[in-house]
């Protein structure tokens, strides 16, 4: 599956690669392509590491390794979000300020690569109904089989 060099890789339902250790994530990151896109309605649900996994697919190394990203961004931002967790007012203020600084740096790093649309921004009623066409590819047809890669957990 992986030897061809693709011009573009577009992952629809990109949230499926949020887990950096999942087989599908590891397989997707092995795709040899110049351009990569991720489409997702819910890119992050619980942890900033999920966002790291998506960005590591589209721009490998942009946010550093996962341990570096966790230490420099995820932990400070998460800890700073728990402003009532500490009893010392000065300590809480420092944590919140550190979290804010980390969040601003992270926002500045990723914002050039994000296009976010809200449901209210989409033309809702004027869009045609979604149609799907499923077409089997016979493995006997070697050319077609090479053109449609198989990822673990897909199909």
N, C-alpha and C. Protein backbone atom coordinates (compact mmCIF):
# COMPACT_ATOMS: atom_id res chain seq x y z
N UNK A 1 0.81 -1.19 0.00
CA UNK A 1 0.00 0.00 0.00
C UNK A 1 0.86 1.26 0.00
N UNK A 2 1.95 1.28 0.69
CA UNK A 2 2.68 2.51 0.91
C UNK A 2 3.68 2.92 -0.17
N UNK A 3 4.21 2.02 -0.99
CA UNK A 3 5.24 2.45 -1.93
C UNK A 3 4.86 3.61 -2.86
N UNK A 4 3.62 3.74 -3.36
CA UNK A 4 3.37 4.87 -4.26
C UNK A 4 3.52 6.20 -3.52
N UNK A 5 4.05 7.20 -4.22
CA UNK A 5 4.08 8.55 -3.67
C UNK A 5 2.84 9.26 -4.16
N UNK A 6 2.01 9.67 -3.24
CA UNK A 6 0.78 10.35 -3.57
C UNK A 6 1.04 11.85 -3.61
N UNK A 7 0.30 12.56 -4.45
CA UNK A 7 0.41 14.02 -4.50
C UNK A 7 -0.25 14.66 -3.30
N UNK A 8 -1.42 14.14 -2.94
CA UNK A 8 -2.19 14.70 -1.83
C UNK A 8 -2.83 13.55 -1.06
N UNK A 9 -2.81 13.65 0.26
CA UNK A 9 -3.55 12.73 1.11
C UNK A 9 -4.58 13.54 1.87
N UNK A 10 -5.85 13.18 1.72
CA UNK A 10 -6.94 13.87 2.41
C UNK A 10 -7.60 12.85 3.32
N UNK A 11 -7.57 13.11 4.60
CA UNK A 11 -8.22 12.23 5.56
C UNK A 11 -9.55 12.85 5.98
N UNK A 12 -10.63 12.31 5.45
CA UNK A 12 -11.95 12.70 5.92
C UNK A 12 -12.19 11.91 7.19
N UNK A 13 -12.99 12.44 8.10
CA UNK A 13 -13.16 11.83 9.41
C UNK A 13 -11.79 11.71 10.10
N UNK A 14 -11.03 12.80 10.02
CA UNK A 14 -9.67 12.82 10.55
C UNK A 14 -9.56 12.54 12.03
N UNK A 15 -10.67 12.67 12.75
CA UNK A 15 -10.63 12.38 14.18
C UNK A 15 -10.22 10.94 14.46
N UNK A 16 -10.25 10.10 13.44
CA UNK A 16 -9.86 8.70 13.64
C UNK A 16 -8.35 8.56 13.87
N UNK A 17 -7.58 9.62 13.62
CA UNK A 17 -6.15 9.55 13.90
C UNK A 17 -5.77 10.39 15.12
N UNK A 18 -6.74 10.67 15.99
CA UNK A 18 -6.45 11.44 17.20
C UNK A 18 -5.56 10.68 18.18
N UNK A 19 -5.68 9.37 18.19
CA UNK A 19 -4.85 8.56 19.09
C UNK A 19 -3.51 8.32 18.39
N UNK A 20 -2.42 8.89 18.91
CA UNK A 20 -1.14 8.77 18.21
C UNK A 20 -0.61 7.34 18.15
N UNK A 21 -1.11 6.44 18.99
CA UNK A 21 -0.62 5.06 19.01
C UNK A 21 -1.52 4.08 18.26
N UNK A 22 -2.64 4.56 17.72
CA UNK A 22 -3.56 3.68 17.01
C UNK A 22 -2.96 3.20 15.70
N UNK A 23 -3.30 1.98 15.31
CA UNK A 23 -2.78 1.41 14.07
C UNK A 23 -3.10 2.29 12.86
N UNK A 24 -4.32 2.83 12.81
CA UNK A 24 -4.71 3.64 11.66
C UNK A 24 -3.89 4.93 11.60
N UNK A 25 -3.55 5.48 12.76
CA UNK A 25 -2.71 6.68 12.80
C UNK A 25 -1.31 6.37 12.28
N UNK A 26 -0.75 5.28 12.77
CA UNK A 26 0.60 4.89 12.36
C UNK A 26 0.65 4.60 10.86
N UNK A 27 -0.40 3.94 10.33
CA UNK A 27 -0.45 3.65 8.90
C UNK A 27 -0.59 4.93 8.08
N UNK A 28 -1.45 5.84 8.53
CA UNK A 28 -1.65 7.10 7.79
C UNK A 28 -0.37 7.93 7.75
N UNK A 29 0.38 7.92 8.84
CA UNK A 29 1.61 8.71 8.89
C UNK A 29 2.71 8.15 8.01
N UNK A 30 2.55 6.92 7.55
CA UNK A 30 3.54 6.33 6.65
C UNK A 30 3.28 6.67 5.18
N UNK A 31 2.12 7.25 4.88
CA UNK A 31 1.83 7.65 3.50
C UNK A 31 2.88 8.63 3.02
N UNK A 32 3.40 8.39 1.83
CA UNK A 32 4.41 9.27 1.26
C UNK A 32 3.69 10.25 0.34
N UNK A 33 3.57 11.48 0.80
CA UNK A 33 2.85 12.49 0.05
C UNK A 33 3.43 13.86 0.33
N UNK A 34 3.24 14.75 -0.61
CA UNK A 34 3.75 16.11 -0.45
C UNK A 34 2.77 16.95 0.35
N UNK A 35 1.48 16.80 0.07
CA UNK A 35 0.46 17.61 0.72
C UNK A 35 -0.47 16.71 1.53
N UNK A 36 -0.85 17.20 2.72
CA UNK A 36 -1.74 16.42 3.59
C UNK A 36 -2.81 17.33 4.16
N UNK A 37 -4.05 16.82 4.16
CA UNK A 37 -5.17 17.54 4.72
C UNK A 37 -5.93 16.62 5.67
N UNK A 38 -6.50 17.21 6.71
CA UNK A 38 -7.35 16.48 7.63
C UNK A 38 -8.67 17.22 7.73
N UNK A 39 -9.77 16.50 7.52
CA UNK A 39 -11.11 17.06 7.67
C UNK A 39 -11.75 16.40 8.89
N UNK A 40 -12.27 17.21 9.79
CA UNK A 40 -12.88 16.63 10.98
C UNK A 40 -13.90 17.58 11.56
N UNK A 41 -14.99 17.03 12.01
CA UNK A 41 -16.00 17.82 12.69
C UNK A 41 -15.70 17.97 14.17
N UNK A 42 -14.86 17.09 14.69
CA UNK A 42 -14.52 17.14 16.13
C UNK A 42 -13.05 16.75 16.32
N UNK A 43 -12.14 17.67 16.00
CA UNK A 43 -10.72 17.32 16.04
C UNK A 43 -10.17 17.05 17.44
N UNK A 44 -10.70 17.73 18.44
CA UNK A 44 -10.20 17.55 19.80
C UNK A 44 -11.40 17.32 20.71
N UNK A 45 -11.31 16.30 21.55
CA UNK A 45 -12.41 16.07 22.48
C UNK A 45 -11.96 16.19 23.93
N UNK A 46 -10.85 15.56 24.28
CA UNK A 46 -10.48 15.52 25.68
C UNK A 46 -9.08 16.02 26.01
N UNK A 47 -8.15 15.82 25.12
CA UNK A 47 -6.76 16.12 25.44
C UNK A 47 -6.07 16.85 24.29
N UNK A 48 -5.13 17.71 24.65
CA UNK A 48 -4.37 18.43 23.63
C UNK A 48 -3.50 17.48 22.81
N UNK A 49 -3.16 16.32 23.37
CA UNK A 49 -2.37 15.35 22.63
C UNK A 49 -3.11 14.88 21.38
N UNK A 50 -4.43 14.93 21.39
CA UNK A 50 -5.21 14.57 20.20
C UNK A 50 -4.93 15.55 19.07
N UNK A 51 -4.83 16.82 19.42
CA UNK A 51 -4.51 17.83 18.41
C UNK A 51 -3.09 17.62 17.89
N UNK A 52 -2.17 17.28 18.79
CA UNK A 52 -0.79 17.00 18.37
C UNK A 52 -0.78 15.89 17.32
N UNK A 53 -1.56 14.84 17.54
CA UNK A 53 -1.58 13.72 16.61
C UNK A 53 -2.04 14.15 15.22
N UNK A 54 -3.07 14.99 15.15
CA UNK A 54 -3.54 15.49 13.86
C UNK A 54 -2.47 16.34 13.18
N UNK A 55 -1.85 17.23 13.94
CA UNK A 55 -0.82 18.09 13.35
C UNK A 55 0.43 17.31 12.98
N UNK A 56 0.73 16.26 13.72
CA UNK A 56 1.90 15.47 13.38
C UNK A 56 1.68 14.73 12.05
N UNK A 57 0.42 14.51 11.68
CA UNK A 57 0.14 13.94 10.36
C UNK A 57 0.31 15.00 9.28
N UNK A 58 -0.30 16.18 9.46
CA UNK A 58 -0.28 17.17 8.39
C UNK A 58 1.04 17.91 8.28
N UNK A 59 1.76 18.05 9.40
CA UNK A 59 3.03 18.78 9.38
C UNK A 59 3.95 18.11 10.41
N UNK A 60 4.53 16.97 10.03
CA UNK A 60 5.36 16.22 10.99
C UNK A 60 6.47 17.09 11.59
N UNK A 61 6.53 17.05 12.92
CA UNK A 61 7.57 17.78 13.63
C UNK A 61 7.25 19.23 13.94
N UNK A 62 6.20 19.80 13.40
CA UNK A 62 5.87 21.21 13.62
C UNK A 62 5.70 21.52 15.10
N UNK A 63 5.07 20.61 15.83
CA UNK A 63 4.83 20.82 17.26
C UNK A 63 5.80 20.02 18.13
N UNK A 64 6.88 19.53 17.53
CA UNK A 64 7.85 18.74 18.28
C UNK A 64 7.38 17.30 18.46
N UNK A 65 8.12 16.56 19.24
CA UNK A 65 7.71 15.19 19.55
C UNK A 65 6.58 15.25 20.56
N UNK A 66 5.88 14.14 20.74
CA UNK A 66 4.78 14.12 21.70
C UNK A 66 5.25 14.44 23.13
N UNK A 67 6.35 13.86 23.62
CA UNK A 67 6.79 14.22 24.97
C UNK A 67 7.14 15.71 25.12
N UNK A 68 7.76 16.29 24.11
CA UNK A 68 8.11 17.71 24.15
C UNK A 68 6.83 18.55 24.13
N UNK A 69 5.89 18.22 23.25
CA UNK A 69 4.62 18.95 23.17
C UNK A 69 3.87 18.86 24.50
N UNK A 70 3.86 17.67 25.09
CA UNK A 70 3.16 17.49 26.36
C UNK A 70 3.78 18.37 27.44
N UNK A 71 5.11 18.39 27.52
CA UNK A 71 5.79 19.18 28.55
C UNK A 71 5.65 20.68 28.31
N UNK A 72 5.75 21.11 27.05
CA UNK A 72 5.76 22.54 26.76
C UNK A 72 4.37 23.16 26.63
N UNK A 73 3.38 22.36 26.23
CA UNK A 73 2.05 22.92 26.00
C UNK A 73 0.94 22.24 26.80
N UNK A 74 0.80 20.93 26.64
CA UNK A 74 -0.36 20.25 27.22
C UNK A 74 -0.42 20.36 28.74
N UNK A 75 0.67 20.08 29.41
CA UNK A 75 0.65 20.13 30.88
C UNK A 75 0.45 21.56 31.38
N UNK A 76 1.23 22.55 30.93
CA UNK A 76 0.99 23.91 31.44
C UNK A 76 -0.42 24.43 31.16
N UNK A 77 -0.95 24.15 29.98
CA UNK A 77 -2.29 24.64 29.66
C UNK A 77 -3.33 23.94 30.51
N UNK A 78 -3.20 22.64 30.67
CA UNK A 78 -4.16 21.88 31.47
C UNK A 78 -4.09 22.28 32.94
N UNK A 79 -2.90 22.36 33.50
CA UNK A 79 -2.75 22.72 34.91
C UNK A 79 -3.24 24.14 35.14
N UNK A 80 -2.95 25.05 34.24
CA UNK A 80 -3.40 26.42 34.39
C UNK A 80 -4.91 26.57 34.29
N UNK A 81 -5.57 25.59 33.69
CA UNK A 81 -7.03 25.62 33.60
C UNK A 81 -7.71 25.29 34.91
N UNK A 82 -6.98 24.67 35.83
CA UNK A 82 -7.54 24.31 37.13
C UNK A 82 -7.20 25.40 38.14
N UNK A 83 -7.75 26.58 37.94
CA UNK A 83 -7.38 27.73 38.77
C UNK A 83 -7.79 27.56 40.23
N UNK A 84 -8.78 26.75 40.51
CA UNK A 84 -9.22 26.57 41.89
C UNK A 84 -8.53 25.40 42.57
N UNK A 85 -7.61 24.73 41.88
CA UNK A 85 -6.96 23.55 42.43
C UNK A 85 -5.93 23.91 43.50
N UNK A 86 -5.39 25.11 43.46
CA UNK A 86 -4.37 25.52 44.42
C UNK A 86 -4.97 26.47 45.43
N UNK A 87 -4.47 26.41 46.65
CA UNK A 87 -4.98 27.31 47.70
C UNK A 87 -4.22 28.62 47.74
N UNK A 88 -3.07 28.70 47.09
CA UNK A 88 -2.29 29.93 47.12
C UNK A 88 -2.66 30.82 45.93
N UNK A 89 -3.14 32.02 46.23
CA UNK A 89 -3.58 32.93 45.18
C UNK A 89 -2.43 33.26 44.22
N UNK A 90 -1.25 33.51 44.74
CA UNK A 90 -0.12 33.86 43.88
C UNK A 90 0.22 32.70 42.95
N UNK A 91 0.20 31.49 43.48
CA UNK A 91 0.52 30.30 42.68
C UNK A 91 -0.51 30.13 41.57
N UNK A 92 -1.79 30.32 41.91
CA UNK A 92 -2.85 30.20 40.90
C UNK A 92 -2.63 31.21 39.79
N UNK A 93 -2.30 32.43 40.15
CA UNK A 93 -2.07 33.48 39.16
C UNK A 93 -0.92 33.14 38.22
N UNK A 94 0.14 32.58 38.79
CA UNK A 94 1.29 32.20 37.97
C UNK A 94 0.92 31.07 37.02
N UNK A 95 0.15 30.10 37.50
CA UNK A 95 -0.26 28.98 36.65
C UNK A 95 -1.15 29.46 35.51
N UNK A 96 -2.07 30.35 35.82
CA UNK A 96 -2.97 30.87 34.80
C UNK A 96 -2.19 31.67 33.77
N UNK A 97 -1.26 32.49 34.22
CA UNK A 97 -0.45 33.27 33.28
C UNK A 97 0.41 32.38 32.39
N UNK A 98 1.01 31.36 32.99
CA UNK A 98 1.83 30.42 32.20
C UNK A 98 0.96 29.69 31.18
N UNK A 99 -0.23 29.26 31.61
CA UNK A 99 -1.14 28.57 30.70
C UNK A 99 -1.54 29.48 29.54
N UNK A 100 -1.82 30.73 29.86
CA UNK A 100 -2.22 31.67 28.82
C UNK A 100 -1.08 31.89 27.82
N UNK A 101 0.14 32.07 28.32
CA UNK A 101 1.29 32.27 27.43
C UNK A 101 1.49 31.06 26.52
N UNK A 102 1.39 29.86 27.09
CA UNK A 102 1.54 28.64 26.29
C UNK A 102 0.44 28.54 25.25
N UNK A 103 -0.79 28.87 25.64
CA UNK A 103 -1.92 28.78 24.72
C UNK A 103 -1.75 29.77 23.56
N UNK A 104 -1.23 30.96 23.84
CA UNK A 104 -1.02 31.96 22.79
C UNK A 104 0.05 31.48 21.82
N UNK A 105 1.15 30.94 22.33
CA UNK A 105 2.21 30.43 21.47
C UNK A 105 1.67 29.29 20.60
N UNK A 106 0.91 28.37 21.21
CA UNK A 106 0.34 27.25 20.47
C UNK A 106 -0.63 27.75 19.40
N UNK A 107 -1.48 28.69 19.76
CA UNK A 107 -2.42 29.25 18.78
C UNK A 107 -1.68 29.85 17.60
N UNK A 108 -0.62 30.58 17.88
CA UNK A 108 0.15 31.22 16.80
C UNK A 108 0.84 30.18 15.92
N UNK A 109 1.25 29.05 16.50
CA UNK A 109 1.89 28.00 15.71
C UNK A 109 0.91 27.30 14.77
N UNK A 110 -0.32 27.07 15.24
CA UNK A 110 -1.26 26.26 14.46
C UNK A 110 -2.24 27.06 13.61
N UNK A 111 -2.47 28.31 13.95
CA UNK A 111 -3.52 29.06 13.24
C UNK A 111 -3.31 29.18 11.73
N UNK A 112 -2.07 29.27 11.21
CA UNK A 112 -1.95 29.33 9.75
C UNK A 112 -2.41 28.05 9.04
N UNK A 113 -2.59 26.97 9.77
CA UNK A 113 -2.92 25.68 9.16
C UNK A 113 -4.36 25.25 9.43
N UNK A 114 -5.14 26.11 10.04
CA UNK A 114 -6.52 25.76 10.38
C UNK A 114 -7.51 26.56 9.55
N UNK A 115 -8.54 25.90 9.14
CA UNK A 115 -9.70 26.57 8.56
C UNK A 115 -10.89 26.04 9.34
N UNK A 116 -11.48 26.89 10.12
CA UNK A 116 -12.59 26.47 10.98
C UNK A 116 -13.87 27.13 10.51
N UNK A 117 -14.86 26.27 10.28
CA UNK A 117 -16.18 26.78 9.92
C UNK A 117 -17.18 26.29 10.93
N UNK A 118 -18.08 27.15 11.29
CA UNK A 118 -19.16 26.79 12.19
C UNK A 118 -20.38 26.41 11.37
N UNK A 119 -21.27 25.65 11.97
CA UNK A 119 -22.48 25.23 11.23
C UNK A 119 -23.26 26.44 10.74
N UNK A 120 -23.29 27.50 11.53
CA UNK A 120 -24.05 28.69 11.10
C UNK A 120 -23.42 29.36 9.88
N UNK A 121 -22.11 29.08 9.65
CA UNK A 121 -21.43 29.66 8.50
C UNK A 121 -21.68 28.89 7.20
N UNK A 122 -22.13 27.67 7.31
CA UNK A 122 -22.38 26.83 6.14
C UNK A 122 -23.78 27.13 5.63
N UNK A 123 -23.97 27.00 4.34
CA UNK A 123 -25.22 27.42 3.71
C UNK A 123 -26.40 26.48 3.94
N UNK A 124 -26.33 25.56 4.87
CA UNK A 124 -27.41 24.67 5.28
C UNK A 124 -28.42 24.25 4.23
N UNK A 125 -29.51 25.01 4.08
CA UNK A 125 -30.62 24.61 3.22
C UNK A 125 -30.29 24.66 1.73
N UNK A 126 -29.33 25.47 1.34
CA UNK A 126 -29.06 25.59 -0.08
C UNK A 126 -28.12 24.49 -0.60
N UNK A 127 -27.59 23.66 0.28
CA UNK A 127 -26.73 22.56 -0.16
C UNK A 127 -27.57 21.38 -0.62
N UNK A 128 -27.16 20.69 -1.66
CA UNK A 128 -27.90 19.50 -2.10
C UNK A 128 -27.76 18.37 -1.09
N UNK A 129 -28.67 17.42 -1.15
CA UNK A 129 -28.60 16.25 -0.28
C UNK A 129 -27.33 15.47 -0.57
N UNK A 130 -26.77 14.90 0.46
CA UNK A 130 -25.56 14.09 0.32
C UNK A 130 -25.91 12.79 -0.41
N UNK A 131 -25.09 12.44 -1.39
CA UNK A 131 -25.27 11.17 -2.07
C UNK A 131 -23.97 10.39 -2.00
N UNK A 132 -24.08 9.10 -1.85
CA UNK A 132 -22.89 8.25 -1.79
C UNK A 132 -23.02 7.14 -2.81
N UNK A 133 -21.91 6.76 -3.38
CA UNK A 133 -21.87 5.64 -4.30
C UNK A 133 -20.74 4.72 -3.86
N UNK A 134 -21.09 3.52 -3.46
CA UNK A 134 -20.09 2.53 -3.07
C UNK A 134 -19.82 1.63 -4.26
N UNK A 135 -18.56 1.50 -4.61
CA UNK A 135 -18.19 0.67 -5.76
C UNK A 135 -17.07 -0.27 -5.33
N UNK A 136 -17.31 -1.57 -5.48
CA UNK A 136 -16.25 -2.52 -5.10
C UNK A 136 -15.10 -2.49 -6.10
N UNK A 137 -13.92 -2.74 -5.62
CA UNK A 137 -12.74 -2.86 -6.46
C UNK A 137 -12.26 -4.29 -6.35
N UNK A 138 -12.25 -4.97 -7.46
CA UNK A 138 -11.82 -6.36 -7.45
C UNK A 138 -10.31 -6.43 -7.35
N UNK A 139 -9.81 -7.30 -6.51
CA UNK A 139 -8.37 -7.43 -6.32
C UNK A 139 -7.70 -7.99 -7.57
N UNK A 140 -8.44 -8.64 -8.44
CA UNK A 140 -7.87 -9.19 -9.67
C UNK A 140 -7.40 -8.07 -10.60
N UNK A 141 -8.05 -6.92 -10.50
CA UNK A 141 -7.67 -5.77 -11.32
C UNK A 141 -6.52 -5.06 -10.61
N UNK A 142 -5.29 -5.44 -10.94
CA UNK A 142 -4.12 -4.95 -10.21
C UNK A 142 -4.00 -3.42 -10.24
N UNK A 143 -4.29 -2.81 -11.34
CA UNK A 143 -4.19 -1.35 -11.43
C UNK A 143 -5.15 -0.66 -10.48
N UNK A 144 -6.38 -1.14 -10.43
CA UNK A 144 -7.36 -0.54 -9.54
C UNK A 144 -7.02 -0.83 -8.09
N UNK A 145 -6.50 -2.01 -7.81
CA UNK A 145 -6.15 -2.35 -6.44
C UNK A 145 -5.03 -1.46 -5.93
N UNK A 146 -4.09 -1.10 -6.78
CA UNK A 146 -3.01 -0.21 -6.35
C UNK A 146 -3.52 1.22 -6.17
N UNK A 147 -4.52 1.62 -6.94
CA UNK A 147 -5.02 2.98 -6.87
C UNK A 147 -5.85 3.24 -5.62
N UNK A 148 -6.37 2.19 -5.02
CA UNK A 148 -7.19 2.34 -3.82
C UNK A 148 -6.50 1.64 -2.67
N UNK A 149 -5.77 2.40 -1.83
CA UNK A 149 -5.02 1.77 -0.74
C UNK A 149 -5.94 1.22 0.35
N UNK A 150 -5.47 0.19 1.01
CA UNK A 150 -6.20 -0.38 2.15
C UNK A 150 -5.49 0.04 3.42
N UNK A 151 -6.22 0.66 4.33
CA UNK A 151 -5.68 1.02 5.64
C UNK A 151 -6.24 0.04 6.66
N UNK A 152 -5.47 -0.31 7.69
CA UNK A 152 -6.01 -1.19 8.73
C UNK A 152 -7.27 -0.56 9.34
N UNK A 153 -8.27 -1.35 9.54
CA UNK A 153 -9.50 -0.87 10.15
C UNK A 153 -10.44 -0.17 9.19
N UNK A 154 -10.07 -0.06 7.92
CA UNK A 154 -10.92 0.58 6.93
C UNK A 154 -11.27 -0.45 5.88
N UNK A 155 -12.51 -0.59 5.55
CA UNK A 155 -13.08 -1.56 4.62
C UNK A 155 -13.06 -2.89 5.29
